Amino acid sequence: MKYLPFLETERLIIRPITLEDTFEFFEMDSQPEVHTYLRDKPLKSIDEAINLLNSIRLQYSKFGIGRVAVIEKSTFKFIGWTGFKFIEESYNNHSKYLDFGYRLKKEAWDKGYATEAARACLMYYNEALKQFNIHAMTHQMNEASRNVLEKVGFEISDEFILEDTNTKCFWYDFKKDSRL
């Protein structure tokens, strides 16, 4: 089954990522500010961006699901990604679940885009993906990300230390009956 959404909101188009997104993906993921609360480092080359895009596209073919592009309607520019990633291995004592996440260029911050994209994806989840458990996590200091998750129906269910980083994180469960 394929669970790759083509969604549209008032200001955004949400669609599968393609290799045509490489340069804008690299632009976003090379910004140090984007990585403030992430364990990975900013990209340094287009080849790294291509490798990441290929790993996302591998999720598409392997599981029929993966992170999707967030496109600003007014400019048709790639401003980030959102959506689901199927996690097979055990993580914080959970396995075989959908990880929900998002990442936007710093120029797209503070405009409500992350919340708008998250709501669209989670409405899609409620329609097509309820058979999967869904979780999210964020650095405890990342207030902006925590606010988005909590606005769209996630609740903190655990605190944990991220392996190999000594980073304190919150683990979130999605309230499947939440009103979006």
C-alpha atoms as a PDB file:
ATOM      1  CA  MET A   1       0.000   0.000   0.000  1.00  0.00           C
ATOM      2  CA  LYS A   2       1.076   3.559  -0.641  1.00  0.00           C
ATOM      3  CA  TYR A   3       0.629   6.199   2.012  1.00  0.00           C
ATOM      4  CA  LEU A   4       2.298   9.119   0.286  1.00  0.00           C
ATOM      5  CA  PRO A   5      -0.008  12.079   0.575  1.00  0.00           C
ATOM      6  CA  PHE A   6      -0.545  14.914  -1.855  1.00  0.00           C
ATOM      7  CA  LEU A   7      -2.094  17.474   0.483  1.00  0.00           C
ATOM      8  CA  GLU A   8      -3.016  21.096   0.120  1.00  0.00           C
ATOM      9  CA  THR A   9      -3.680  23.708   2.782  1.00  0.00           C
ATOM     10  CA  GLU A  10      -4.432  27.396   2.507  1.00  0.00           C
ATOM     11  CA  ARG A  11      -0.734  28.268   2.061  1.00  0.00           C
ATOM     12  CA  LEU A  12       1.047  24.972   1.447  1.00  0.00           C
ATOM     13  CA  ILE A  13       1.376  22.034  -0.907  1.00  0.00           C
ATOM     14  CA  ILE A  14       2.583  18.829   0.737  1.00  0.00           C
ATOM     15  CA  ARG A  15       3.857  16.166  -1.630  1.00  0.00           C
ATOM     16  CA  PRO A  16       6.475  13.422  -1.942  1.00  0.00           C
ATOM     17  CA  ILE A  17      10.056  14.656  -2.112  1.00  0.00           C
ATOM     18  CA  THR A  18      11.839  14.283  -5.454  1.00  0.00           C
ATOM     19  CA  LEU A  19      15.441  14.655  -6.529  1.00  0.00           C
ATOM     20  CA  GLU A  20      14.384  17.957  -8.081  1.00  0.00           C
ATOM     21  CA  ASP A  21      14.196  19.253  -4.502  1.00  0.00           C
ATOM     22  CA  THR A  22      17.925  18.619  -3.959  1.00  0.00           C
ATOM     23  CA  PHE A  23      19.233  22.201  -4.048  1.00  0.00           C
ATOM     24  CA  GLU A  24      16.472  23.654  -1.862  1.00  0.00           C
ATOM     25  CA  PHE A  25      16.745  20.675   0.501  1.00  0.00           C
ATOM     26  CA  PHE A  26      20.490  21.324   0.739  1.00  0.00           C
ATOM     27  CA  GLU A  27      19.856  25.019   1.352  1.00  0.00           C
ATOM     28  CA  MET A  28      17.582  24.172   4.299  1.00  0.00           C
ATOM     29  CA  ASP A  29      19.676  21.374   5.780  1.00  0.00           C
ATOM     30  CA  SER A  30      22.940  23.313   5.542  1.00  0.00           C
ATOM     31  CA  GLN A  31      21.648  26.070   7.823  1.00  0.00           C
ATOM     32  CA  PRO A  32      23.299  25.727  11.264  1.00  0.00           C
ATOM     33  CA  GLU A  33      20.236  27.242  12.975  1.00  0.00           C
ATOM     34  CA  VAL A  34      18.059  24.423  11.632  1.00  0.00           C
ATOM     35  CA  HIS A  35      20.266  21.949  13.508  1.00  0.00           C
ATOM     36  CA  THR A  36      20.312  23.720  16.884  1.00  0.00           C
ATOM     37  CA  TYR A  37      18.299  20.971  18.597  1.00  0.00           C
ATOM     38  CA  LEU A  38      19.122  18.090  16.264  1.00  0.00           C
ATOM     39  CA  ARG A  39      21.762  15.424  16.689  1.00  0.00           C
ATOM     40  CA  ASP A  40      22.838  15.533  13.054  1.00  0.00           C
ATOM     41  CA  LYS A  41      25.050  18.269  11.643  1.00  0.00           C
ATOM     42  CA  PRO A  42      24.385  20.766   8.836  1.00  0.00           C
ATOM     43  CA  LEU A  43      25.005  19.374   5.376  1.00  0.00           C
ATOM     44  CA  LYS A  44      28.247  20.400   3.714  1.00  0.00           C
ATOM     45  CA  SER A  45      27.674  19.154   0.161  1.00  0.00           C
ATOM     46  CA  ILE A  46      25.043  18.475  -2.453  1.00  0.00           C
ATOM     47  CA  ASP A  47      26.122  14.822  -2.386  1.00  0.00           C
ATOM     48  CA  GLU A  48      25.078  14.613   1.277  1.00  0.00           C
ATOM     49  CA  ALA A  49      21.687  16.084   0.336  1.00  0.00           C
ATOM     50  CA  ILE A  50      21.276  13.538  -2.463  1.00  0.00           C
ATOM     51  CA  ASN A  51      22.120  10.711  -0.035  1.00  0.00           C
ATOM     52  CA  LEU A  52      19.489  11.946   2.443  1.00  0.00           C
ATOM     53  CA  LEU A  53      16.879  12.334  -0.288  1.00  0.00           C
ATOM     54  CA  ASN A  54      17.637   8.827  -1.500  1.00  0.00           C
ATOM     55  CA  SER A  55      17.173   7.474   2.043  1.00  0.00           C
ATOM     56  CA  ILE A  56      13.763   9.210   2.196  1.00  0.00           C
ATOM     57  CA  ARG A  57      12.848   7.782  -1.189  1.00  0.00           C
ATOM     58  CA  LEU A  58      13.973   4.336   0.006  1.00  0.00           C
ATOM     59  CA  GLN A  59      11.351   4.632   2.779  1.00  0.00           C
ATOM     60  CA  TYR A  60       8.795   5.317   0.028  1.00  0.00           C
ATOM     61  CA  SER A  61       9.644   2.117  -1.818  1.00  0.00           C
ATOM     62  CA  LYS A  62      10.218  -0.046   1.261  1.00  0.00           C
ATOM     63  CA  PHE A  63       7.255   1.061   3.403  1.00  0.00           C
ATOM     64  CA  GLY A  64       5.102   3.216   1.137  1.00  0.00           C
ATOM     65  CA  ILE A  65       5.590   6.144   3.514  1.00  0.00           C
ATOM     66  CA  GLY A  66       8.193   8.762   4.356  1.00  0.00           C
ATOM     67  CA  ARG A  67       8.898  12.427   4.917  1.00  0.00           C
ATOM     68  CA  VAL A  68       7.233  14.731   2.381  1.00  0.00           C
ATOM     69  CA  ALA A  69       8.086  18.140   0.949  1.00  0.00           C
ATOM     70  CA  VAL A  70       6.451  21.320   2.194  1.00  0.00           C
ATOM     71  CA  ILE A  71       6.033  23.794  -0.664  1.00  0.00           C
ATOM     72  CA  GLU A  72       4.990  27.392  -0.155  1.00  0.00           C
ATOM     73  CA  LYS A  73       2.078  28.022  -2.542  1.00  0.00           C
ATOM     74  CA  SER A  74       2.813  31.706  -3.119  1.00  0.00           C
ATOM     75  CA  THR A  75       6.366  31.013  -4.366  1.00  0.00           C
ATOM     76  CA  PHE A  76       6.261  27.278  -5.226  1.00  0.00           C
ATOM     77  CA  LYS A  77       9.501  26.994  -3.229  1.00  0.00           C
ATOM     78  CA  PHE A  78      10.510  24.019  -1.108  1.00  0.00           C
ATOM     79  CA  ILE A  79      10.588  25.338   2.467  1.00  0.00           C
ATOM     80  CA  GLY A  80      11.066  22.072   4.333  1.00  0.00           C
ATOM     81  CA  TRP A  81       9.685  18.641   5.038  1.00  0.00           C
ATOM     82  CA  THR A  82       7.135  17.055   7.326  1.00  0.00           C
ATOM     83  CA  GLY A  83       5.347  13.778   7.757  1.00  0.00           C
ATOM     84  CA  PHE A  84       6.002  10.254   8.839  1.00  0.00           C
ATOM     85  CA  LYS A  85       8.958   7.919   8.943  1.00  0.00           C
ATOM     86  CA  PHE A  86       8.449   4.236   9.685  1.00  0.00           C
ATOM     87  CA  ILE A  87      10.774   3.139  12.490  1.00  0.00           C
ATOM     88  CA  GLU A  88      11.454  -0.592  12.535  1.00  0.00           C
ATOM     89  CA  GLU A  89      14.088  -0.844  15.251  1.00  0.00           C
ATOM     90  CA  SER A  90      13.494  -0.245  18.937  1.00  0.00           C
ATOM     91  CA  TYR A  91      13.783   3.372  19.989  1.00  0.00           C
ATOM     92  CA  ASN A  92      13.013   4.511  23.537  1.00  0.00           C
ATOM     93  CA  ASN A  93      11.451   1.051  24.024  1.00  0.00           C
ATOM     94  CA  HIS A  94       9.153   1.430  20.982  1.00  0.00           C
ATOM     95  CA  SER A  95       9.433  -0.241  17.589  1.00  0.00           C
ATOM     96  CA  LYS A  96       7.424  -0.528  14.386  1.00  0.00           C
ATOM     97  CA  TYR A  97       5.815   2.899  14.683  1.00  0.00           C
ATOM     98  CA  LEU A  98       5.492   6.103  12.704  1.00  0.00           C
ATOM     99  CA  ASP A  99       7.762   8.910  13.801  1.00  0.00           C
ATOM    100  CA  PHE A 100       6.178  12.285  13.078  1.00  0.00           C
ATOM    101  CA  GLY A 101       8.450  15.212  12.351  1.00  0.00           C
ATOM    102  CA  TYR A 102       9.110  18.404  10.459  1.00  0.00           C
ATOM    103  CA  ARG A 103      11.991  20.651   9.503  1.00  0.00           C
ATOM    104  CA  LEU A 104      11.776  24.062   7.863  1.00  0.00           C
ATOM    105  CA  LYS A 105      14.236  26.619   6.503  1.00  0.00           C
ATOM    106  CA  LYS A 106      14.887  29.351   9.035  1.00  0.00           C
ATOM    107  CA  GLU A 107      13.245  31.862   6.649  1.00  0.00           C
ATOM    108  CA  ALA A 108       9.992  29.900   7.038  1.00  0.00           C
ATOM    109  CA  TRP A 109       9.996  29.946  10.842  1.00  0.00           C
ATOM    110  CA  ASP A 110       7.452  31.879  12.905  1.00  0.00           C
ATOM    111  CA  LYS A 111       4.853  31.928  10.126  1.00  0.00           C
ATOM    112  CA  GLY A 112       2.693  29.039  11.339  1.00  0.00           C
ATOM    113  CA  TYR A 113       3.811  26.769   8.485  1.00  0.00           C
ATOM    114  CA  ALA A 114       4.956  23.905  10.754  1.00  0.00           C
ATOM    115  CA  THR A 115       1.588  23.814  12.515  1.00  0.00           C
ATOM    116  CA  GLU A 116      -0.350  24.120   9.253  1.00  0.00           C
ATOM    117  CA  ALA A 117       1.621  21.275   7.651  1.00  0.00           C
ATOM    118  CA  ALA A 118       1.411  19.144  10.804  1.00  0.00           C
ATOM    119  CA  ARG A 119      -2.372  19.528  10.992  1.00  0.00           C
ATOM    120  CA  ALA A 120      -2.752  18.476   7.346  1.00  0.00           C
ATOM    121  CA  CYS A 121      -0.538  15.407   7.839  1.00  0.00           C
ATOM    122  CA  LEU A 122      -2.300  14.374  11.022  1.00  0.00           C
ATOM    123  CA  MET A 123      -5.721  14.732   9.423  1.00  0.00           C
ATOM    124  CA  TYR A 124      -4.364  12.425   6.718  1.00  0.00           C
ATOM    125  CA  TYR A 125      -3.131  10.091   9.459  1.00  0.00           C
ATOM    126  CA  ASN A 126      -6.622   9.992  11.007  1.00  0.00           C
ATOM    127  CA  GLU A 127      -8.086   9.086   7.594  1.00  0.00           C
ATOM    128  CA  ALA A 128      -5.526   6.621   6.246  1.00  0.00           C
ATOM    129  CA  LEU A 129      -2.939   5.541   8.816  1.00  0.00           C
ATOM    130  CA  LYS A 130      -4.672   4.866  12.124  1.00  0.00           C
ATOM    131  CA  GLN A 131      -3.507   1.254  12.003  1.00  0.00           C
ATOM    132  CA  PHE A 132      -0.011   2.524  12.924  1.00  0.00           C
ATOM    133  CA  ASN A 133       1.085   3.830  16.294  1.00  0.00           C
ATOM    134  CA  ILE A 134       2.485   7.328  15.982  1.00  0.00           C
ATOM    135  CA  HIS A 135       5.024   9.106  18.175  1.00  0.00           C
ATOM    136  CA  ALA A 136       7.219  12.180  18.071  1.00  0.00           C
ATOM    137  CA  MET A 137      10.144  13.432  20.092  1.00  0.00           C
ATOM    138  CA  THR A 138      11.867  16.697  20.639  1.00  0.00           C
ATOM    139  CA  HIS A 139      14.721  18.213  22.593  1.00  0.00           C
ATOM    140  CA  GLN A 140      13.345  19.478  25.889  1.00  0.00           C
ATOM    141  CA  MET A 141      14.696  22.982  25.184  1.00  0.00           C
ATOM    142  CA  ASN A 142      13.074  23.218  21.732  1.00  0.00           C
ATOM    143  CA  GLU A 143      10.027  25.242  22.737  1.00  0.00           C
ATOM    144  CA  ALA A 144       8.918  26.005  19.182  1.00  0.00           C
ATOM    145  CA  SER A 145       8.801  22.324  18.232  1.00  0.00           C
ATOM    146  CA  ARG A 146       7.109  21.391  21.497  1.00  0.00           C
ATOM    147  CA  ASN A 147       4.435  24.045  20.874  1.00  0.00           C
ATOM    148  CA  VAL A 148       3.689  22.680  17.395  1.00  0.00           C
ATOM    149  CA  LEU A 149       3.385  19.097  18.637  1.00  0.00           C
ATOM    150  CA  GLU A 150       1.110  20.057  21.494  1.00  0.00           C
ATOM    151  CA  LYS A 151      -1.109  22.287  19.304  1.00  0.00           C
ATOM    152  CA  VAL A 152      -1.830  19.419  16.932  1.00  0.00           C
ATOM    153  CA  GLY A 153      -2.685  16.764  19.491  1.00  0.00           C
ATOM    154  CA  PHE A 154       0.514  15.217  20.841  1.00  0.00           C
ATOM    155  CA  GLU A 155       1.015  14.751  24.568  1.00  0.00           C
ATOM    156  CA  ILE A 156       4.254  14.150  26.457  1.00  0.00           C
ATOM    157  CA  SER A 157       4.314  10.564  27.689  1.00  0.00           C
ATOM    158  CA  ASP A 158       7.967  10.171  28.674  1.00  0.00           C
ATOM    159  CA  GLU A 159      11.286  11.900  29.196  1.00  0.00           C
ATOM    160  CA  PHE A 160      14.477  10.200  28.081  1.00  0.00           C
ATOM    161  CA  ILE A 161      18.134  10.756  27.287  1.00  0.00           C
ATOM    162  CA  LEU A 162      18.923  10.458  23.586  1.00  0.00           C
ATOM    163  CA  GLU A 163      21.513   7.741  23.081  1.00  0.00           C
ATOM    164  CA  ASP A 164      25.089   8.867  22.378  1.00  0.00           C
ATOM    165  CA  THR A 165      24.239  12.572  22.828  1.00  0.00           C
ATOM    166  CA  ASN A 166      23.298  12.966  26.495  1.00  0.00           C
ATOM    167  CA  THR A 167      20.412  15.153  25.288  1.00  0.00           C
ATOM    168  CA  LYS A 168      17.248  15.361  27.371  1.00  0.00           C
ATOM    169  CA  CYS A 169      14.193  14.769  25.182  1.00  0.00           C
ATOM    170  CA  PHE A 170      10.440  14.485  25.484  1.00  0.00           C
ATOM    171  CA  TRP A 171       8.619  11.509  23.958  1.00  0.00           C
ATOM    172  CA  TYR A 172       5.144  12.250  22.602  1.00  0.00           C
ATOM    173  CA  ASP A 173       2.103  10.095  21.907  1.00  0.00           C
ATOM    174  CA  PHE A 174      -0.596  11.278  19.513  1.00  0.00           C
ATOM    175  CA  LYS A 175      -4.146  11.448  20.821  1.00  0.00           C
ATOM    176  CA  LYS A 176      -5.911   9.644  17.982  1.00  0.00           C
ATOM    177  CA  ASP A 177      -9.218  11.217  18.904  1.00  0.00           C
ATOM    178  CA  SER A 178      -7.724  14.704  18.899  1.00  0.00           C
ATOM    179  CA  ARG A 179      -9.582  17.386  17.012  1.00  0.00           C
ATOM    180  CA  LEU A 180      -7.463  18.977  14.344  1.00  0.00           C
END
